[in-house]
Amino acid sequence: MDLQDQLKNLFPDHVSEENSEENPSKDQGIWLQDEPILCKYEKRKGKPITILEGYTGADDDFKKLAKELKQKLSVGGSFKDDKIIIQGDYRDKIMQILKDKGFNVKRVGG
């Protein structure tokens, strides 16, 4: 009797990850829209920032997206007035991440 069989005997109600169906991805709950998300570049107080706006879904989904972008890029930022503000010029990386998730993104500005 191997370890797996012993564990099944001890915990018969437990469903292992191998037996369960595919785990839903984190992105499944985010609403994808038809209109593109606008990716802007600005300078505020001499510092570059990237602004994402134009998302028409729920604020909670946009906040989750902001948190994920900040973590992937390892930068600071915030979510204010239905806009995601990322510190630094990361337009290309952000656009690629959003395209991989299935969003339609439009680059605005230089």
PDB file of N, CA and C in Angstrom:
ATOM      1  N   MET A   1       0.859  -1.179   0.000  1.00  0.00           N
ATOM      2  CA  MET A   1       0.000   0.000   0.000  1.00  0.00           C
ATOM      3  C   MET A   1       0.906   1.242   0.000  1.00  0.00           C
ATOM      4  N   ASP A   2       0.744   2.065  -1.013  1.00  0.00           N
ATOM      5  CA  ASP A   2       1.596   3.250  -1.088  1.00  0.00           C
ATOM      6  C   ASP A   2       0.962   4.416  -0.321  1.00  0.00           C
ATOM      7  N   LEU A   3       1.654   5.525  -0.320  1.00  0.00           N
ATOM      8  CA  LEU A   3       1.230   6.691   0.446  1.00  0.00           C
ATOM      9  C   LEU A   3      -0.120   7.237  -0.024  1.00  0.00           C
ATOM     10  N   GLN A   4      -0.357   7.246  -1.324  1.00  0.00           N
ATOM     11  CA  GLN A   4      -1.623   7.748  -1.857  1.00  0.00           C
ATOM     12  C   GLN A   4      -2.807   6.928  -1.328  1.00  0.00           C
ATOM     13  N   ASP A   5      -2.665   5.620  -1.331  1.00  0.00           N
ATOM     14  CA  ASP A   5      -3.746   4.758  -0.835  1.00  0.00           C
ATOM     15  C   ASP A   5      -3.977   4.968   0.660  1.00  0.00           C
ATOM     16  N   GLN A   6      -2.918   5.153   1.423  1.00  0.00           N
ATOM     17  CA  GLN A   6      -3.057   5.403   2.852  1.00  0.00           C
ATOM     18  C   GLN A   6      -3.800   6.717   3.101  1.00  0.00           C
ATOM     19  N   LEU A   7      -3.454   7.734   2.331  1.00  0.00           N
ATOM     20  CA  LEU A   7      -4.124   9.022   2.489  1.00  0.00           C
ATOM     21  C   LEU A   7      -5.602   8.931   2.107  1.00  0.00           C
ATOM     22  N   LYS A   8      -5.912   8.151   1.073  1.00  0.00           N
ATOM     23  CA  LYS A   8      -7.311   7.972   0.677  1.00  0.00           C
ATOM     24  C   LYS A   8      -8.105   7.274   1.779  1.00  0.00           C
ATOM     25  N   ASN A   9      -7.470   6.340   2.476  1.00  0.00           N
ATOM     26  CA  ASN A   9      -8.144   5.652   3.576  1.00  0.00           C
ATOM     27  C   ASN A   9      -8.376   6.596   4.752  1.00  0.00           C
ATOM     28  N   LEU A  10      -7.401   7.477   5.021  1.00  0.00           N
ATOM     29  CA  LEU A  10      -7.538   8.414   6.135  1.00  0.00           C
ATOM     30  C   LEU A  10      -8.527   9.540   5.832  1.00  0.00           C
ATOM     31  N   PHE A  11      -8.531  10.015   4.577  1.00  0.00           N
ATOM     32  CA  PHE A  11      -9.387  11.139   4.182  1.00  0.00           C
ATOM     33  C   PHE A  11     -10.203  10.759   2.953  1.00  0.00           C
ATOM     34  N   PRO A  12     -11.286  10.007   3.154  1.00  0.00           N
ATOM     35  CA  PRO A  12     -12.046   9.523   1.996  1.00  0.00           C
ATOM     36  C   PRO A  12     -12.819  10.644   1.264  1.00  0.00           C
ATOM     37  N   ASP A  13     -13.129  11.742   1.946  1.00  0.00           N
ATOM     38  CA  ASP A  13     -13.915  12.813   1.314  1.00  0.00           C
ATOM     39  C   ASP A  13     -13.054  13.781   0.512  1.00  0.00           C
ATOM     40  N   HIS A  14     -11.752  13.714   0.688  1.00  0.00           N
ATOM     41  CA  HIS A  14     -10.857  14.654   0.007  1.00  0.00           C
ATOM     42  C   HIS A  14     -10.772  14.341  -1.483  1.00  0.00           C
ATOM     43  N   VAL A  15     -10.876  15.389  -2.297  1.00  0.00           N
ATOM     44  CA  VAL A  15     -10.727  15.239  -3.735  1.00  0.00           C
ATOM     45  C   VAL A  15      -9.371  15.816  -4.110  1.00  0.00           C
ATOM     46  N   SER A  16      -8.497  14.984  -4.645  1.00  0.00           N
ATOM     47  CA  SER A  16      -7.161  15.454  -4.989  1.00  0.00           C
ATOM     48  C   SER A  16      -7.215  16.303  -6.256  1.00  0.00           C
ATOM     49  N   GLU A  17      -6.183  17.104  -6.466  1.00  0.00           N
ATOM     50  CA  GLU A  17      -6.135  17.979  -7.640  1.00  0.00           C
ATOM     51  C   GLU A  17      -6.028  17.168  -8.917  1.00  0.00           C
ATOM     52  N   GLU A  18      -5.458  15.995  -8.858  1.00  0.00           N
ATOM     53  CA  GLU A  18      -5.327  15.148 -10.037  1.00  0.00           C
ATOM     54  C   GLU A  18      -6.694  14.679 -10.522  1.00  0.00           C
ATOM     55  N   ASN A  19      -7.589  14.368  -9.579  1.00  0.00           N
ATOM     56  CA  ASN A  19      -8.895  13.840  -9.935  1.00  0.00           C
ATOM     57  C   ASN A  19      -9.902  14.928 -10.271  1.00  0.00           C
ATOM     58  N   SER A  20      -9.661  16.122  -9.791  1.00  0.00           N
ATOM     59  CA  SER A  20     -10.629  17.188 -10.038  1.00  0.00           C
ATOM     60  C   SER A  20     -10.513  17.676 -11.477  1.00  0.00           C
ATOM     61  N   GLU A  21     -11.568  18.321 -11.942  1.00  0.00           N
ATOM     62  CA  GLU A  21     -11.549  18.871 -13.290  1.00  0.00           C
ATOM     63  C   GLU A  21     -10.570  20.031 -13.329  1.00  0.00           C
ATOM     64  N   GLU A  22     -10.362  20.573 -14.514  1.00  0.00           N
ATOM     65  CA  GLU A  22      -9.411  21.671 -14.655  1.00  0.00           C
ATOM     66  C   GLU A  22      -9.782  22.816 -13.732  1.00  0.00           C
ATOM     67  N   ASN A  23      -8.772  23.365 -13.083  1.00  0.00           N
ATOM     68  CA  ASN A  23      -9.020  24.493 -12.195  1.00  0.00           C
ATOM     69  C   ASN A  23      -9.319  25.724 -13.034  1.00  0.00           C
ATOM     70  N   PRO A  24     -10.336  26.498 -12.676  1.00  0.00           N
ATOM     71  CA  PRO A  24     -10.620  27.695 -13.451  1.00  0.00           C
ATOM     72  C   PRO A  24      -9.480  28.686 -13.299  1.00  0.00           C
ATOM     73  N   SER A  25      -9.145  29.351 -14.379  1.00  0.00           N
ATOM     74  CA  SER A  25      -8.039  30.309 -14.322  1.00  0.00           C
ATOM     75  C   SER A  25      -8.478  31.570 -13.600  1.00  0.00           C
ATOM     76  N   LYS A  26      -7.502  32.348 -13.163  1.00  0.00           N
ATOM     77  CA  LYS A  26      -7.804  33.590 -12.457  1.00  0.00           C
ATOM     78  C   LYS A  26      -8.513  34.577 -13.376  1.00  0.00           C
ATOM     79  N   ASP A  27      -8.183  34.517 -14.671  1.00  0.00           N
ATOM     80  CA  ASP A  27      -8.701  35.495 -15.613  1.00  0.00           C
ATOM     81  C   ASP A  27     -10.145  35.218 -16.009  1.00  0.00           C
ATOM     82  N   GLN A  28     -10.674  34.070 -15.660  1.00  0.00           N
ATOM     83  CA  GLN A  28     -11.997  33.697 -16.107  1.00  0.00           C
ATOM     84  C   GLN A  28     -13.065  34.667 -15.594  1.00  0.00           C
ATOM     85  N   GLY A  29     -12.867  35.253 -14.420  1.00  0.00           N
ATOM     86  CA  GLY A  29     -13.854  36.132 -13.844  1.00  0.00           C
ATOM     87  C   GLY A  29     -13.799  37.549 -14.385  1.00  0.00           C
ATOM     88  N   ILE A  30     -12.773  37.902 -15.155  1.00  0.00           N
ATOM     89  CA  ILE A  30     -12.657  39.265 -15.676  1.00  0.00           C
ATOM     90  C   ILE A  30     -13.435  39.375 -16.967  1.00  0.00           C
ATOM     91  N   TRP A  31     -14.241  40.416 -17.055  1.00  0.00           N
ATOM     92  CA  TRP A  31     -15.098  40.626 -18.207  1.00  0.00           C
ATOM     93  C   TRP A  31     -14.295  41.242 -19.335  1.00  0.00           C
ATOM     94  N   LEU A  32     -14.295  40.610 -20.505  1.00  0.00           N
ATOM     95  CA  LEU A  32     -13.610  41.144 -21.677  1.00  0.00           C
ATOM     96  C   LEU A  32     -14.602  41.975 -22.476  1.00  0.00           C
ATOM     97  N   GLN A  33     -14.168  43.129 -22.931  1.00  0.00           N
ATOM     98  CA  GLN A  33     -15.069  44.067 -23.598  1.00  0.00           C
ATOM     99  C   GLN A  33     -14.735  44.175 -25.072  1.00  0.00           C
ATOM    100  N   ASP A  34     -15.681  44.759 -25.827  1.00  0.00           N
ATOM    101  CA  ASP A  34     -15.477  44.949 -27.254  1.00  0.00           C
ATOM    102  C   ASP A  34     -14.634  46.191 -27.533  1.00  0.00           C
ATOM    103  N   GLU A  35     -14.848  47.253 -26.770  1.00  0.00           N
ATOM    104  CA  GLU A  35     -14.104  48.499 -26.950  1.00  0.00           C
ATOM    105  C   GLU A  35     -12.672  48.324 -26.446  1.00  0.00           C
ATOM    106  N   PRO A  36     -11.693  48.949 -27.106  1.00  0.00           N
ATOM    107  CA  PRO A  36     -10.308  48.793 -26.647  1.00  0.00           C
ATOM    108  C   PRO A  36     -10.019  49.585 -25.374  1.00  0.00           C
ATOM    109  N   ILE A  37      -9.097  49.078 -24.587  1.00  0.00           N
ATOM    110  CA  ILE A  37      -8.594  49.800 -23.420  1.00  0.00           C
ATOM    111  C   ILE A  37      -7.508  50.740 -23.935  1.00  0.00           C
ATOM    112  N   LEU A  38      -7.561  51.999 -23.525  1.00  0.00           N
ATOM    113  CA  LEU A  38      -6.595  52.987 -23.989  1.00  0.00           C
ATOM    114  C   LEU A  38      -5.364  52.979 -23.092  1.00  0.00           C
ATOM    115  N   CYS A  39      -4.201  52.921 -23.695  1.00  0.00           N
ATOM    116  CA  CYS A  39      -2.932  52.900 -22.976  1.00  0.00           C
ATOM    117  C   CYS A  39      -2.196  54.201 -23.303  1.00  0.00           C
ATOM    118  N   LYS A  40      -2.115  55.109 -22.331  1.00  0.00           N
ATOM    119  CA  LYS A  40      -1.529  56.434 -22.536  1.00  0.00           C
ATOM    120  C   LYS A  40      -0.207  56.556 -21.805  1.00  0.00           C
ATOM    121  N   TYR A  41       0.584  57.519 -22.276  1.00  0.00           N
ATOM    122  CA  TYR A  41       1.854  57.855 -21.627  1.00  0.00           C
ATOM    123  C   TYR A  41       1.809  59.331 -21.273  1.00  0.00           C
ATOM    124  N   GLU A  42       2.164  59.657 -20.051  1.00  0.00           N
ATOM    125  CA  GLU A  42       2.198  61.048 -19.603  1.00  0.00           C
ATOM    126  C   GLU A  42       3.407  61.247 -18.710  1.00  0.00           C
ATOM    127  N   LYS A  43       3.718  62.507 -18.488  1.00  0.00           N
ATOM    128  CA  LYS A  43       4.734  62.857 -17.497  1.00  0.00           C
ATOM    129  C   LYS A  43       4.061  63.746 -16.470  1.00  0.00           C
ATOM    130  N   ARG A  44       4.189  63.375 -15.221  1.00  0.00           N
ATOM    131  CA  ARG A  44       3.663  64.170 -14.119  1.00  0.00           C
ATOM    132  C   ARG A  44       4.816  64.482 -13.186  1.00  0.00           C
ATOM    133  N   LYS A  45       5.016  65.760 -12.971  1.00  0.00           N
ATOM    134  CA  LYS A  45       6.127  66.227 -12.133  1.00  0.00           C
ATOM    135  C   LYS A  45       7.462  65.672 -12.632  1.00  0.00           C
ATOM    136  N   GLY A  46       7.603  65.571 -13.953  1.00  0.00           N
ATOM    137  CA  GLY A  46       8.841  65.114 -14.559  1.00  0.00           C
ATOM    138  C   GLY A  46       9.042  63.618 -14.577  1.00  0.00           C
ATOM    139  N   LYS A  47       8.096  62.852 -14.031  1.00  0.00           N
ATOM    140  CA  LYS A  47       8.232  61.395 -13.964  1.00  0.00           C
ATOM    141  C   LYS A  47       7.265  60.749 -14.959  1.00  0.00           C
ATOM    142  N   PRO A  48       7.716  59.729 -15.682  1.00  0.00           N
ATOM    143  CA  PRO A  48       6.837  59.058 -16.647  1.00  0.00           C
ATOM    144  C   PRO A  48       5.825  58.146 -15.955  1.00  0.00           C
ATOM    145  N   ILE A  49       4.605  58.137 -16.471  1.00  0.00           N
ATOM    146  CA  ILE A  49       3.572  57.218 -15.981  1.00  0.00           C
ATOM    147  C   ILE A  49       2.814  56.649 -17.170  1.00  0.00           C
ATOM    148  N   THR A  50       2.232  55.493 -16.977  1.00  0.00           N
ATOM    149  CA  THR A  50       1.389  54.848 -17.975  1.00  0.00           C
ATOM    150  C   THR A  50      -0.024  54.791 -17.412  1.00  0.00           C
ATOM    151  N   ILE A  51      -0.997  55.224 -18.208  1.00  0.00           N
ATOM    152  CA  ILE A  51      -2.391  55.268 -17.759  1.00  0.00           C
ATOM    153  C   ILE A  51      -3.222  54.342 -18.635  1.00  0.00           C
ATOM    154  N   LEU A  52      -4.016  53.492 -17.996  1.00  0.00           N
ATOM    155  CA  LEU A  52      -4.964  52.627 -18.695  1.00  0.00           C
ATOM    156  C   LEU A  52      -6.368  53.096 -18.351  1.00  0.00           C
ATOM    157  N   GLU A  53      -7.177  53.337 -19.370  1.00  0.00           N
ATOM    158  CA  GLU A  53      -8.549  53.757 -19.128  1.00  0.00           C
ATOM    159  C   GLU A  53      -9.448  53.222 -20.233  1.00  0.00           C
ATOM    160  N   GLY A  54     -10.744  53.311 -20.006  1.00  0.00           N
ATOM    161  CA  GLY A  54     -11.703  52.869 -21.005  1.00  0.00           C
ATOM    162  C   GLY A  54     -12.315  51.513 -20.714  1.00  0.00           C
ATOM    163  N   TYR A  55     -12.089  50.965 -19.525  1.00  0.00           N
ATOM    164  CA  TYR A  55     -12.669  49.669 -19.165  1.00  0.00           C
ATOM    165  C   TYR A  55     -14.105  49.884 -18.711  1.00  0.00           C
ATOM    166  N   THR A  56     -15.038  49.139 -19.271  1.00  0.00           N
ATOM    167  CA  THR A  56     -16.453  49.337 -18.955  1.00  0.00           C
ATOM    168  C   THR A  56     -17.022  48.257 -18.044  1.00  0.00           C
ATOM    169  N   GLY A  57     -16.187  47.355 -17.558  1.00  0.00           N
ATOM    170  CA  GLY A  57     -16.655  46.282 -16.676  1.00  0.00           C
ATOM    171  C   GLY A  57     -16.748  46.750 -15.234  1.00  0.00           C
ATOM    172  N   ALA A  58     -16.787  45.804 -14.331  1.00  0.00           N
ATOM    173  CA  ALA A  58     -16.895  46.111 -12.904  1.00  0.00           C
ATOM    174  C   ALA A  58     -15.579  46.677 -12.376  1.00  0.00           C
ATOM    175  N   ASP A  59     -15.684  47.565 -11.383  1.00  0.00           N
ATOM    176  CA  ASP A  59     -14.499  48.168 -10.779  1.00  0.00           C
ATOM    177  C   ASP A  59     -13.620  47.116 -10.117  1.00  0.00           C
ATOM    178  N   ASP A  60     -14.235  46.102  -9.519  1.00  0.00           N
ATOM    179  CA  ASP A  60     -13.461  45.055  -8.848  1.00  0.00           C
ATOM    180  C   ASP A  60     -12.561  44.314  -9.836  1.00  0.00           C
ATOM    181  N   ASP A  61     -13.079  44.054 -11.040  1.00  0.00           N
ATOM    182  CA  ASP A  61     -12.275  43.378 -12.056  1.00  0.00           C
ATOM    183  C   ASP A  61     -11.091  44.246 -12.473  1.00  0.00           C
ATOM    184  N   PHE A  62     -11.334  45.547 -12.624  1.00  0.00           N
ATOM    185  CA  PHE A  62     -10.273  46.467 -13.035  1.00  0.00           C
ATOM    186  C   PHE A  62      -9.220  46.595 -11.932  1.00  0.00           C
ATOM    187  N   LYS A  63      -9.668  46.545 -10.666  1.00  0.00           N
ATOM    188  CA  LYS A  63      -8.724  46.598  -9.551  1.00  0.00           C
ATOM    189  C   LYS A  63      -7.857  45.340  -9.522  1.00  0.00           C
ATOM    190  N   LYS A  64      -8.464  44.177  -9.793  1.00  0.00           N
ATOM    191  CA  LYS A  64      -7.700  42.936  -9.847  1.00  0.00           C
ATOM    192  C   LYS A  64      -6.664  42.995 -10.965  1.00  0.00           C
ATOM    193  N   LEU A  65      -7.080  43.553 -12.093  1.00  0.00           N
ATOM    194  CA  LEU A  65      -6.172  43.688 -13.220  1.00  0.00           C
ATOM    195  C   LEU A  65      -5.020  44.623 -12.875  1.00  0.00           C
ATOM    196  N   ALA A  66      -5.308  45.715 -12.175  1.00  0.00           N
ATOM    197  CA  ALA A  66      -4.266  46.661 -11.760  1.00  0.00           C
ATOM    198  C   ALA A  66      -3.271  45.976 -10.838  1.00  0.00           C
ATOM    199  N   LYS A  67      -3.773  45.213  -9.896  1.00  0.00           N
ATOM    200  CA  LYS A  67      -2.892  44.523  -8.951  1.00  0.00           C
ATOM    201  C   LYS A  67      -2.001  43.521  -9.674  1.00  0.00           C
ATOM    202  N   GLU A  68      -2.577  42.798 -10.600  1.00  0.00           N
ATOM    203  CA  GLU A  68      -1.805  41.800 -11.334  1.00  0.00           C
ATOM    204  C   GLU A  68      -0.727  42.457 -12.203  1.00  0.00           C
ATOM    205  N   LEU A  69      -1.064  43.564 -12.858  1.00  0.00           N
ATOM    206  CA  LEU A  69      -0.082  44.269 -13.681  1.00  0.00           C
ATOM    207  C   LEU A  69       1.069  44.788 -12.828  1.00  0.00           C
ATOM    208  N   LYS A  70       0.744  45.359 -11.675  1.00  0.00           N
ATOM    209  CA  LYS A  70       1.786  45.891 -10.799  1.00  0.00           C
ATOM    210  C   LYS A  70       2.706  44.780 -10.305  1.00  0.00           C
ATOM    211  N   GLN A  71       2.141  43.614 -10.013  1.00  0.00           N
ATOM    212  CA  GLN A  71       2.948  42.502  -9.537  1.00  0.00           C
ATOM    213  C   GLN A  71       3.836  41.941 -10.641  1.00  0.00           C
ATOM    214  N   LYS A  72       3.288  41.799 -11.851  1.00  0.00           N
ATOM    215  CA  LYS A  72       4.074  41.248 -12.952  1.00  0.00           C
ATOM    216  C   LYS A  72       5.212  42.178 -13.350  1.00  0.00           C
ATOM    217  N   LEU A  73       4.964  43.488 -13.310  1.00  0.00           N
ATOM    218  CA  LEU A  73       5.981  44.451 -13.712  1.00  0.00           C
ATOM    219  C   LEU A  73       6.882  44.875 -12.553  1.00  0.00           C
ATOM    220  N   SER A  74       6.511  44.522 -11.340  1.00  0.00           N
ATOM    221  CA  SER A  74       7.254  44.897 -10.127  1.00  0.00           C
ATOM    222  C   SER A  74       7.417  46.407 -10.016  1.00  0.00           C
ATOM    223  N   VAL A  75       6.299  47.108 -10.191  1.00  0.00           N
ATOM    224  CA  VAL A  75       6.307  48.568 -10.093  1.00  0.00           C
ATOM    225  C   VAL A  75       5.155  49.018  -9.211  1.00  0.00           C
ATOM    226  N   GLY A  76       5.165  50.291  -8.881  1.00  0.00           N
ATOM    227  CA  GLY A  76       4.076  50.870  -8.107  1.00  0.00           C
ATOM    228  C   GLY A  76       3.007  51.410  -9.027  1.00  0.00           C
ATOM    229  N   GLY A  77       1.899  51.744  -8.438  1.00  0.00           N
ATOM    230  CA  GLY A  77       0.797  52.297  -9.205  1.00  0.00           C
ATOM    231  C   GLY A  77      -0.432  52.392  -8.347  1.00  0.00           C
ATOM    232  N   SER A  78      -1.545  52.819  -8.971  1.00  0.00           N
ATOM    233  CA  SER A  78      -2.785  52.952  -8.228  1.00  0.00           C
ATOM    234  C   SER A  78      -3.971  52.818  -9.166  1.00  0.00           C
ATOM    235  N   PHE A  79      -5.152  52.736  -8.563  1.00  0.00           N
ATOM    236  CA  PHE A  79      -6.410  52.704  -9.294  1.00  0.00           C
ATOM    237  C   PHE A  79      -7.244  53.875  -8.794  1.00  0.00           C
ATOM    238  N   LYS A  80      -7.460  54.875  -9.654  1.00  0.00           N
ATOM    239  CA  LYS A  80      -8.234  56.048  -9.267  1.00  0.00           C
ATOM    240  C   LYS A  80      -9.119  56.480 -10.428  1.00  0.00           C
ATOM    241  N   ASP A  81     -10.332  56.888 -10.130  1.00  0.00           N
ATOM    242  CA  ASP A  81     -11.244  57.463 -11.126  1.00  0.00           C
ATOM    243  C   ASP A  81     -11.362  56.583 -12.370  1.00  0.00           C
ATOM    244  N   ASP A  82     -11.562  55.292 -12.178  1.00  0.00           N
ATOM    245  CA  ASP A  82     -11.694  54.328 -13.278  1.00  0.00           C
ATOM    246  C   ASP A  82     -10.481  54.319 -14.195  1.00  0.00           C
ATOM    247  N   LYS A  83      -9.307  54.578 -13.658  1.00  0.00           N
ATOM    248  CA  LYS A  83      -8.057  54.543 -14.412  1.00  0.00           C
ATOM    249  C   LYS A  83      -7.021  53.763 -13.606  1.00  0.00           C
ATOM    250  N   ILE A  84      -6.173  53.033 -14.314  1.00  0.00           N
ATOM    251  CA  ILE A  84      -5.030  52.395 -13.691  1.00  0.00           C
ATOM    252  C   ILE A  84      -3.825  53.261 -14.007  1.00  0.00           C
ATOM    253  N   ILE A  85      -3.096  53.668 -12.976  1.00  0.00           N
ATOM    254  CA  ILE A  85      -1.906  54.490 -13.149  1.00  0.00           C
ATOM    255  C   ILE A  85      -0.704  53.657 -12.720  1.00  0.00           C
ATOM    256  N   ILE A  86       0.208  53.414 -13.654  1.00  0.00           N
ATOM    257  CA  ILE A  86       1.411  52.626 -13.407  1.00  0.00           C
ATOM    258  C   ILE A  86       2.611  53.559 -13.471  1.00  0.00           C
ATOM    259  N   GLN A  87       3.503  53.452 -12.501  1.00  0.00           N
ATOM    260  CA  GLN A  87       4.691  54.302 -12.482  1.00  0.00           C
ATOM    261  C   GLN A  87       5.702  53.791 -13.499  1.00  0.00           C
ATOM    262  N   GLY A  88       6.088  54.665 -14.424  1.00  0.00           N
ATOM    263  CA  GLY A  88       7.071  54.311 -15.437  1.00  0.00           C
ATOM    264  C   GLY A  88       6.427  54.110 -16.793  1.00  0.00           C
ATOM    265  N   ASP A  89       7.255  54.034 -17.822  1.00  0.00           N
ATOM    266  CA  ASP A  89       6.782  53.832 -19.188  1.00  0.00           C
ATOM    267  C   ASP A  89       6.847  52.349 -19.531  1.00  0.00           C
ATOM    268  N   TYR A  90       5.749  51.655 -19.319  1.00  0.00           N
ATOM    269  CA  TYR A  90       5.666  50.214 -19.568  1.00  0.00           C
ATOM    270  C   TYR A  90       4.573  49.901 -20.588  1.00  0.00           C
ATOM    271  N   ARG A  91       4.350  50.804 -21.532  1.00  0.00           N
ATOM    272  CA  ARG A  91       3.255  50.620 -22.493  1.00  0.00           C
ATOM    273  C   ARG A  91       3.373  49.312 -23.261  1.00  0.00           C
ATOM    274  N   ASP A  92       4.556  49.024 -23.787  1.00  0.00           N
ATOM    275  CA  ASP A  92       4.714  47.819 -24.608  1.00  0.00           C
ATOM    276  C   ASP A  92       4.466  46.546 -23.809  1.00  0.00           C
ATOM    277  N   LYS A  93       5.024  46.479 -22.607  1.00  0.00           N
ATOM    278  CA  LYS A  93       4.850  45.290 -21.770  1.00  0.00           C
ATOM    279  C   LYS A  93       3.400  45.139 -21.334  1.00  0.00           C
ATOM    280  N   ILE A  94       2.764  46.249 -20.947  1.00  0.00           N
ATOM    281  CA  ILE A  94       1.368  46.204 -20.502  1.00  0.00           C
ATOM    282  C   ILE A  94       0.467  45.779 -21.646  1.00  0.00           C
ATOM    283  N   MET A  95       0.702  46.341 -22.829  1.00  0.00           N
ATOM    284  CA  MET A  95      -0.127  45.978 -23.983  1.00  0.00           C
ATOM    285  C   MET A  95       0.015  44.497 -24.313  1.00  0.00           C
ATOM    286  N   GLN A  96       1.213  43.952 -24.203  1.00  0.00           N
ATOM    287  CA  GLN A  96       1.428  42.531 -24.488  1.00  0.00           C
ATOM    288  C   GLN A  96       0.717  41.657 -23.448  1.00  0.00           C
ATOM    289  N   ILE A  97       0.803  42.040 -22.185  1.00  0.00           N
ATOM    290  CA  ILE A  97       0.131  41.274 -21.127  1.00  0.00           C
ATOM    291  C   ILE A  97      -1.377  41.269 -21.349  1.00  0.00           C
ATOM    292  N   LEU A  98      -1.942  42.439 -21.670  1.00  0.00           N
ATOM    293  CA  LEU A  98      -3.384  42.538 -21.877  1.00  0.00           C
ATOM    294  C   LEU A  98      -3.829  41.784 -23.127  1.00  0.00           C
ATOM    295  N   LYS A  99      -3.030  41.812 -24.178  1.00  0.00           N
ATOM    296  CA  LYS A  99      -3.371  41.062 -25.393  1.00  0.00           C
ATOM    297  C   LYS A  99      -3.359  39.564 -25.123  1.00  0.00           C
ATOM    298  N   ASP A 100      -2.399  39.112 -24.309  1.00  0.00           N
ATOM    299  CA  ASP A 100      -2.347  37.699 -23.949  1.00  0.00           C
ATOM    300  C   ASP A 100      -3.575  37.272 -23.159  1.00  0.00           C
ATOM    301  N   LYS A 101      -4.153  38.201 -22.402  1.00  0.00           N
ATOM    302  CA  LYS A 101      -5.353  37.910 -21.629  1.00  0.00           C
ATOM    303  C   LYS A 101      -6.616  37.967 -22.484  1.00  0.00           C
ATOM    304  N   GLY A 102      -6.515  38.536 -23.699  1.00  0.00           N
ATOM    305  CA  GLY A 102      -7.661  38.593 -24.592  1.00  0.00           C
ATOM    306  C   GLY A 102      -8.285  39.974 -24.716  1.00  0.00           C
ATOM    307  N   PHE A 103      -7.659  40.984 -24.137  1.00  0.00           N
ATOM    308  CA  PHE A 103      -8.184  42.339 -24.230  1.00  0.00           C
ATOM    309  C   PHE A 103      -7.770  42.963 -25.555  1.00  0.00           C
ATOM    310  N   ASN A 104      -8.571  43.909 -26.018  1.00  0.00           N
ATOM    311  CA  ASN A 104      -8.243  44.724 -27.176  1.00  0.00           C
ATOM    312  C   ASN A 104      -7.655  46.014 -26.627  1.00  0.00           C
ATOM    313  N   VAL A 105      -6.409  46.344 -27.013  1.00  0.00           N
ATOM    314  CA  VAL A 105      -5.700  47.489 -26.433  1.00  0.00           C
ATOM    315  C   VAL A 105      -5.315  48.442 -27.554  1.00  0.00           C
ATOM    316  N   LYS A 106      -5.466  49.744 -27.278  1.00  0.00           N
ATOM    317  CA  LYS A 106      -5.106  50.767 -28.253  1.00  0.00           C
ATOM    318  C   LYS A 106      -4.083  51.703 -27.623  1.00  0.00           C
ATOM    319  N   ARG A 107      -2.995  51.934 -28.330  1.00  0.00           N
ATOM    320  CA  ARG A 107      -1.934  52.818 -27.841  1.00  0.00           C
ATOM    321  C   ARG A 107      -2.275  54.256 -28.215  1.00  0.00           C
ATOM    322  N   VAL A 108      -2.224  55.155 -27.240  1.00  0.00           N
ATOM    323  CA  VAL A 108      -2.559  56.552 -27.452  1.00  0.00           C
ATOM    324  C   VAL A 108      -1.343  57.382 -27.077  1.00  0.00           C
ATOM    325  N   GLY A 109      -1.008  58.356 -27.903  1.00  0.00           N
ATOM    326  CA  GLY A 109       0.139  59.216 -27.614  1.00  0.00           C
ATOM    327  C   GLY A 109       1.406  58.678 -28.257  1.00  0.00           C
ATOM    328  N   GLY A 110       2.529  59.363 -28.007  1.00  0.00           N
ATOM    329  CA  GLY A 110       3.815  59.088 -28.648  1.00  0.00           C
ATOM    330  C   GLY A 110       4.306  57.754 -28.610  1.00  0.00           C
TER     331      GLY A 110
END
